[in-house]
Amino acid sequence: MFVKSLWQSEQLTSAGAPPTASAPVLDTGGLVPESSDSMDKAIRKQVEAALAQALKEGWIAGAGIDVFEREPEVHPALMGLPNAVLAPHIASASSETRLKMANLAVDNCLAVLEGKTPPTPVNPEVLARR
């Protein structure tokens, strides 16, 4: 399936996004779905370039980005933009969040060891094969 980037100008315009809009981007995977299709992968790689273009041309006012398509690489067009805040994939780095993540991992492990369904399986499709 061919997926167009959310950041293309005609989509922003038709969606009614004013030039003062800002875009917090915590996961570009949410913008363009993951797929084994090579066309989709090619489109995913264009999301950051399209975002940079939207920022440079004023389609949107700003963006905060924590996850990049090719980590640890950052698309060079995003570097140095005054209206882009780039963070090194640390949005979950608070003590409270990390403690919750650890507790959730323990809860999943205990459920499996007790023969129960884990509360948040990463690959739920394997549960049907049990």
N, C-alpha and C. Protein backbone atom coordinates (compact mmCIF):
# COMPACT_ATOMS: atom_id res chain seq x y z
N MET A 1 0.84 -1.18 0.00
CA MET A 1 0.00 0.00 0.00
C MET A 1 0.88 1.24 0.00
N PHE A 2 0.60 2.18 -0.85
CA PHE A 2 1.37 3.42 -0.94
C PHE A 2 0.85 4.41 0.10
N VAL A 3 1.73 4.87 0.96
CA VAL A 3 1.33 5.79 2.03
C VAL A 3 2.01 7.13 1.81
N LYS A 4 1.22 8.19 1.72
CA LYS A 4 1.80 9.52 1.58
C LYS A 4 2.17 10.07 2.95
N SER A 5 3.20 10.88 2.97
CA SER A 5 3.65 11.51 4.21
C SER A 5 2.61 12.50 4.71
N LEU A 6 2.41 12.50 6.02
CA LEU A 6 1.49 13.44 6.65
C LEU A 6 1.92 14.88 6.41
N TRP A 7 3.19 15.09 6.16
CA TRP A 7 3.72 16.44 6.11
C TRP A 7 3.65 17.07 4.72
N GLN A 8 3.07 16.42 3.75
CA GLN A 8 2.98 17.04 2.43
C GLN A 8 2.07 18.27 2.51
N SER A 9 2.46 19.30 1.82
CA SER A 9 1.78 20.58 1.97
C SER A 9 0.29 20.51 1.67
N GLU A 10 -0.10 19.78 0.64
CA GLU A 10 -1.52 19.75 0.30
C GLU A 10 -2.34 19.08 1.40
N GLN A 11 -1.75 18.13 2.11
CA GLN A 11 -2.48 17.47 3.19
C GLN A 11 -2.61 18.41 4.38
N LEU A 12 -1.55 19.14 4.69
CA LEU A 12 -1.62 20.09 5.80
C LEU A 12 -2.64 21.18 5.50
N THR A 13 -2.61 21.67 4.28
CA THR A 13 -3.53 22.72 3.88
C THR A 13 -4.97 22.22 3.90
N SER A 14 -5.20 21.05 3.32
CA SER A 14 -6.56 20.52 3.26
C SER A 14 -7.07 20.13 4.65
N ALA A 15 -6.17 19.83 5.56
CA ALA A 15 -6.58 19.50 6.92
C ALA A 15 -6.87 20.76 7.72
N GLY A 16 -6.57 21.92 7.13
CA GLY A 16 -6.85 23.18 7.80
C GLY A 16 -5.78 23.57 8.81
N ALA A 17 -4.58 22.99 8.70
CA ALA A 17 -3.52 23.32 9.64
C ALA A 17 -3.00 24.72 9.36
N PRO A 18 -3.11 25.61 10.35
CA PRO A 18 -2.59 26.96 10.14
C PRO A 18 -1.07 26.95 10.21
N PRO A 19 -0.40 27.97 9.66
CA PRO A 19 1.05 28.01 9.71
C PRO A 19 1.59 28.15 11.14
N THR A 20 0.72 28.42 12.09
CA THR A 20 1.13 28.51 13.49
C THR A 20 1.07 27.16 14.19
N ALA A 21 0.65 26.11 13.47
CA ALA A 21 0.54 24.78 14.07
C ALA A 21 1.93 24.26 14.43
N SER A 22 1.99 23.51 15.52
CA SER A 22 3.24 22.85 15.87
C SER A 22 2.98 21.36 15.96
N ALA A 23 4.02 20.57 15.81
CA ALA A 23 3.87 19.12 15.76
C ALA A 23 4.83 18.43 16.72
N PRO A 24 4.31 17.92 17.85
CA PRO A 24 5.18 17.09 18.68
C PRO A 24 5.29 15.72 18.02
N VAL A 25 6.48 15.30 17.65
CA VAL A 25 6.67 14.03 16.97
C VAL A 25 7.48 13.12 17.89
N LEU A 26 6.77 12.22 18.57
CA LEU A 26 7.45 11.30 19.48
C LEU A 26 7.73 9.97 18.82
N ASP A 27 7.08 9.70 17.71
CA ASP A 27 7.34 8.44 17.00
C ASP A 27 6.85 8.59 15.58
N THR A 28 7.77 8.71 14.64
CA THR A 28 7.35 8.86 13.25
C THR A 28 6.72 7.59 12.71
N GLY A 29 6.93 6.48 13.39
CA GLY A 29 6.27 5.24 12.99
C GLY A 29 4.76 5.38 13.05
N GLY A 30 4.26 6.26 13.92
CA GLY A 30 2.83 6.49 14.01
C GLY A 30 2.29 7.28 12.83
N LEU A 31 3.17 7.97 12.12
CA LEU A 31 2.74 8.76 10.99
C LEU A 31 2.62 7.93 9.72
N VAL A 32 3.54 7.01 9.55
CA VAL A 32 3.55 6.14 8.38
C VAL A 32 3.70 4.72 8.88
N PRO A 33 2.71 3.84 8.67
CA PRO A 33 2.76 2.50 9.22
C PRO A 33 3.93 1.68 8.72
N GLU A 34 4.45 0.85 9.60
CA GLU A 34 5.53 -0.08 9.28
C GLU A 34 4.98 -1.16 8.36
N SER A 35 5.77 -1.61 7.44
CA SER A 35 5.32 -2.65 6.51
C SER A 35 6.54 -3.32 5.92
N SER A 36 6.36 -4.51 5.40
CA SER A 36 7.45 -5.18 4.71
C SER A 36 7.56 -4.68 3.28
N ASP A 37 6.57 -3.95 2.82
CA ASP A 37 6.56 -3.43 1.46
C ASP A 37 7.68 -2.39 1.30
N SER A 38 8.53 -2.57 0.30
CA SER A 38 9.67 -1.67 0.11
C SER A 38 9.23 -0.24 -0.18
N MET A 39 8.07 -0.05 -0.82
CA MET A 39 7.58 1.30 -1.09
C MET A 39 7.26 2.01 0.22
N ASP A 40 6.61 1.30 1.17
CA ASP A 40 6.30 1.91 2.45
C ASP A 40 7.57 2.28 3.19
N LYS A 41 8.60 1.43 3.14
CA LYS A 41 9.87 1.73 3.81
C LYS A 41 10.50 2.97 3.19
N ALA A 42 10.43 3.10 1.88
CA ALA A 42 10.98 4.27 1.21
C ALA A 42 10.25 5.53 1.64
N ILE A 43 8.93 5.44 1.77
CA ILE A 43 8.13 6.59 2.20
C ILE A 43 8.48 6.97 3.64
N ARG A 44 8.65 5.97 4.50
CA ARG A 44 9.00 6.24 5.91
C ARG A 44 10.28 7.06 6.00
N LYS A 45 11.24 6.78 5.13
CA LYS A 45 12.51 7.50 5.16
C LYS A 45 12.35 8.95 4.73
N GLN A 46 11.26 9.26 4.05
CA GLN A 46 11.03 10.62 3.55
C GLN A 46 10.30 11.50 4.57
N VAL A 47 9.81 10.92 5.65
CA VAL A 47 9.01 11.69 6.60
C VAL A 47 9.82 12.82 7.21
N GLU A 48 11.04 12.55 7.65
CA GLU A 48 11.84 13.61 8.26
C GLU A 48 12.21 14.69 7.26
N ALA A 49 12.50 14.31 6.02
CA ALA A 49 12.81 15.30 4.99
C ALA A 49 11.59 16.19 4.74
N ALA A 50 10.41 15.58 4.69
CA ALA A 50 9.18 16.35 4.46
C ALA A 50 8.89 17.25 5.65
N LEU A 51 9.14 16.77 6.86
CA LEU A 51 8.95 17.59 8.06
C LEU A 51 9.89 18.79 8.03
N ALA A 52 11.15 18.55 7.68
CA ALA A 52 12.11 19.65 7.59
C ALA A 52 11.65 20.69 6.57
N GLN A 53 11.15 20.23 5.44
CA GLN A 53 10.66 21.15 4.41
C GLN A 53 9.47 21.96 4.94
N ALA A 54 8.56 21.29 5.65
CA ALA A 54 7.39 21.98 6.21
C ALA A 54 7.82 23.05 7.21
N LEU A 55 8.83 22.75 8.00
CA LEU A 55 9.34 23.71 8.98
C LEU A 55 10.02 24.89 8.28
N LYS A 56 10.85 24.60 7.29
CA LYS A 56 11.58 25.66 6.57
C LYS A 56 10.64 26.58 5.81
N GLU A 57 9.61 26.00 5.21
CA GLU A 57 8.71 26.80 4.37
C GLU A 57 7.53 27.39 5.14
N GLY A 58 7.46 27.12 6.45
CA GLY A 58 6.42 27.72 7.27
C GLY A 58 5.07 27.05 7.22
N TRP A 59 4.99 25.80 6.73
CA TRP A 59 3.71 25.09 6.72
C TRP A 59 3.25 24.83 8.14
N ILE A 60 4.23 24.59 9.01
CA ILE A 60 3.95 24.46 10.44
C ILE A 60 4.98 25.30 11.18
N ALA A 61 4.61 25.75 12.39
CA ALA A 61 5.47 26.66 13.13
C ALA A 61 6.64 25.97 13.80
N GLY A 62 6.45 24.74 14.27
CA GLY A 62 7.53 24.09 14.98
C GLY A 62 7.26 22.62 15.21
N ALA A 63 8.30 21.90 15.61
CA ALA A 63 8.17 20.48 15.90
C ALA A 63 9.14 20.09 17.00
N GLY A 64 8.69 19.17 17.85
CA GLY A 64 9.55 18.58 18.87
C GLY A 64 9.70 17.11 18.52
N ILE A 65 10.93 16.65 18.31
CA ILE A 65 11.15 15.30 17.81
C ILE A 65 12.03 14.52 18.77
N ASP A 66 11.56 13.35 19.18
CA ASP A 66 12.29 12.51 20.12
C ASP A 66 12.72 11.18 19.50
N VAL A 67 12.12 10.78 18.40
CA VAL A 67 12.43 9.51 17.75
C VAL A 67 12.72 9.79 16.28
N PHE A 68 13.80 9.22 15.79
CA PHE A 68 14.22 9.46 14.42
C PHE A 68 14.19 8.17 13.62
N GLU A 69 13.97 8.28 12.32
CA GLU A 69 13.83 7.11 11.45
C GLU A 69 15.06 6.22 11.47
N ARG A 70 16.24 6.81 11.50
CA ARG A 70 17.47 6.02 11.40
C ARG A 70 18.38 6.31 12.59
N GLU A 71 17.83 6.15 13.79
CA GLU A 71 18.63 6.44 14.99
C GLU A 71 19.91 5.62 14.97
N PRO A 72 21.01 6.21 15.41
CA PRO A 72 21.13 7.53 16.03
C PRO A 72 21.29 8.69 15.05
N GLU A 73 21.17 8.42 13.76
CA GLU A 73 21.30 9.50 12.77
C GLU A 73 20.07 10.41 12.81
N VAL A 74 20.32 11.68 12.61
CA VAL A 74 19.25 12.67 12.48
C VAL A 74 19.33 13.21 11.06
N HIS A 75 18.18 13.33 10.41
CA HIS A 75 18.19 13.85 9.04
C HIS A 75 18.87 15.21 9.04
N PRO A 76 19.87 15.41 8.17
CA PRO A 76 20.63 16.66 8.19
C PRO A 76 19.78 17.91 7.96
N ALA A 77 18.66 17.78 7.27
CA ALA A 77 17.81 18.95 7.03
C ALA A 77 17.14 19.45 8.31
N LEU A 78 17.06 18.60 9.33
CA LEU A 78 16.46 19.02 10.60
C LEU A 78 17.46 19.74 11.51
N MET A 79 18.72 19.46 11.29
CA MET A 79 19.75 20.03 12.15
C MET A 79 19.81 21.54 12.01
N GLY A 80 19.82 22.23 13.12
CA GLY A 80 19.99 23.68 13.10
C GLY A 80 18.74 24.48 12.82
N LEU A 81 17.61 23.83 12.62
CA LEU A 81 16.38 24.59 12.39
C LEU A 81 15.97 25.27 13.69
N PRO A 82 15.70 26.56 13.67
CA PRO A 82 15.34 27.26 14.89
C PRO A 82 13.96 26.87 15.44
N ASN A 83 13.13 26.26 14.60
CA ASN A 83 11.78 25.89 15.02
C ASN A 83 11.63 24.38 15.22
N ALA A 84 12.76 23.69 15.43
CA ALA A 84 12.72 22.25 15.72
C ALA A 84 13.52 21.96 16.98
N VAL A 85 12.90 21.26 17.91
CA VAL A 85 13.58 20.81 19.12
C VAL A 85 13.86 19.33 18.94
N LEU A 86 15.13 18.95 18.94
CA LEU A 86 15.53 17.57 18.72
C LEU A 86 16.05 16.99 20.02
N ALA A 87 15.50 15.86 20.43
CA ALA A 87 15.92 15.21 21.66
C ALA A 87 16.40 13.79 21.33
N PRO A 88 17.37 13.28 22.09
CA PRO A 88 17.95 11.96 21.77
C PRO A 88 17.16 10.77 22.32
N HIS A 89 15.89 10.65 21.93
CA HIS A 89 15.05 9.51 22.31
C HIS A 89 15.03 9.30 23.82
N ILE A 90 14.73 10.37 24.54
CA ILE A 90 14.75 10.30 26.00
C ILE A 90 13.42 10.68 26.65
N ALA A 91 12.36 10.69 25.89
CA ALA A 91 11.07 11.12 26.43
C ALA A 91 10.60 10.24 27.60
N SER A 92 11.06 9.02 27.63
CA SER A 92 10.63 8.12 28.72
C SER A 92 11.65 8.04 29.85
N ALA A 93 12.60 8.95 29.89
CA ALA A 93 13.73 8.81 30.81
C ALA A 93 13.49 9.35 32.23
N SER A 94 12.27 9.55 32.65
CA SER A 94 12.06 9.97 34.03
C SER A 94 12.11 8.75 34.94
N SER A 95 12.46 8.97 36.18
CA SER A 95 12.53 7.87 37.16
C SER A 95 11.17 7.19 37.29
N GLU A 96 10.11 7.99 37.35
CA GLU A 96 8.76 7.44 37.49
C GLU A 96 8.40 6.52 36.32
N THR A 97 8.68 6.99 35.11
CA THR A 97 8.36 6.19 33.92
C THR A 97 9.18 4.93 33.87
N ARG A 98 10.48 5.03 34.15
CA ARG A 98 11.34 3.84 34.11
C ARG A 98 10.93 2.82 35.17
N LEU A 99 10.50 3.29 36.34
CA LEU A 99 10.03 2.36 37.37
C LEU A 99 8.76 1.65 36.90
N LYS A 100 7.84 2.40 36.28
CA LYS A 100 6.62 1.78 35.75
C LYS A 100 6.94 0.77 34.65
N MET A 101 7.91 1.08 33.82
CA MET A 101 8.32 0.15 32.76
C MET A 101 8.88 -1.13 33.35
N ALA A 102 9.71 -1.00 34.39
CA ALA A 102 10.30 -2.17 35.04
C ALA A 102 9.21 -3.02 35.70
N ASN A 103 8.28 -2.36 36.38
CA ASN A 103 7.18 -3.10 37.03
C ASN A 103 6.31 -3.82 36.01
N LEU A 104 6.07 -3.20 34.88
CA LEU A 104 5.28 -3.82 33.83
C LEU A 104 6.01 -5.05 33.27
N ALA A 105 7.31 -4.94 33.10
CA ALA A 105 8.09 -6.09 32.62
C ALA A 105 8.00 -7.24 33.61
N VAL A 106 8.10 -6.94 34.91
CA VAL A 106 7.98 -7.97 35.94
C VAL A 106 6.59 -8.59 35.91
N ASP A 107 5.56 -7.77 35.80
CA ASP A 107 4.18 -8.28 35.74
C ASP A 107 4.00 -9.23 34.56
N ASN A 108 4.58 -8.88 33.41
CA ASN A 108 4.50 -9.75 32.23
C ASN A 108 5.22 -11.08 32.47
N CYS A 109 6.42 -11.01 33.04
CA CYS A 109 7.18 -12.23 33.33
C CYS A 109 6.43 -13.13 34.31
N LEU A 110 5.92 -12.56 35.38
CA LEU A 110 5.20 -13.35 36.37
C LEU A 110 3.96 -14.01 35.77
N ALA A 111 3.24 -13.28 34.94
CA ALA A 111 2.05 -13.85 34.30
C ALA A 111 2.42 -15.06 33.46
N VAL A 112 3.48 -14.96 32.68
CA VAL A 112 3.91 -16.08 31.84
C VAL A 112 4.33 -17.26 32.70
N LEU A 113 5.08 -17.00 33.75
CA LEU A 113 5.54 -18.08 34.63
C LEU A 113 4.37 -18.76 35.35
N GLU A 114 3.28 -18.02 35.55
CA GLU A 114 2.10 -18.58 36.20
C GLU A 114 1.11 -19.18 35.19
N GLY A 115 1.51 -19.21 33.91
CA GLY A 115 0.65 -19.78 32.88
C GLY A 115 -0.49 -18.87 32.46
N LYS A 116 -0.39 -17.61 32.77
CA LYS A 116 -1.43 -16.64 32.42
C LYS A 116 -1.00 -15.83 31.20
N THR A 117 -1.94 -15.10 30.65
CA THR A 117 -1.64 -14.21 29.54
C THR A 117 -0.97 -12.95 30.10
N PRO A 118 0.16 -12.56 29.53
CA PRO A 118 0.81 -11.33 30.01
C PRO A 118 -0.07 -10.11 29.73
N PRO A 119 -0.04 -9.13 30.62
CA PRO A 119 -0.90 -7.95 30.44
C PRO A 119 -0.59 -7.14 29.18
N THR A 120 0.66 -7.08 28.77
CA THR A 120 1.02 -6.30 27.59
C THR A 120 2.01 -7.07 26.71
N PRO A 121 1.53 -8.10 26.02
CA PRO A 121 2.44 -8.88 25.17
C PRO A 121 2.94 -8.05 23.98
N VAL A 122 4.18 -8.22 23.64
CA VAL A 122 4.76 -7.50 22.51
C VAL A 122 4.26 -8.10 21.20
N ASN A 123 4.11 -9.41 21.17
CA ASN A 123 3.66 -10.09 19.97
C ASN A 123 2.47 -11.00 20.31
N PRO A 124 1.29 -10.40 20.47
CA PRO A 124 0.11 -11.17 20.90
C PRO A 124 -0.28 -12.30 19.94
N GLU A 125 0.17 -12.24 18.69
CA GLU A 125 -0.18 -13.29 17.74
C GLU A 125 0.36 -14.65 18.16
N VAL A 126 1.42 -14.70 18.96
CA VAL A 126 1.95 -16.00 19.39
C VAL A 126 1.11 -16.63 20.49
N LEU A 127 0.28 -15.84 21.15
CA LEU A 127 -0.54 -16.38 22.24
C LEU A 127 -1.52 -17.41 21.72
N ALA A 128 -1.96 -17.29 20.50
CA ALA A 128 -2.92 -18.25 19.93
C ALA A 128 -2.25 -19.62 19.71
N ARG A 129 -0.93 -19.66 19.66
CA ARG A 129 -0.21 -20.92 19.43
C ARG A 129 0.11 -21.66 20.71
N ARG A 130 -0.30 -21.13 21.84
CA ARG A 130 0.05 -21.78 23.12
C ARG A 130 -0.74 -23.02 23.35
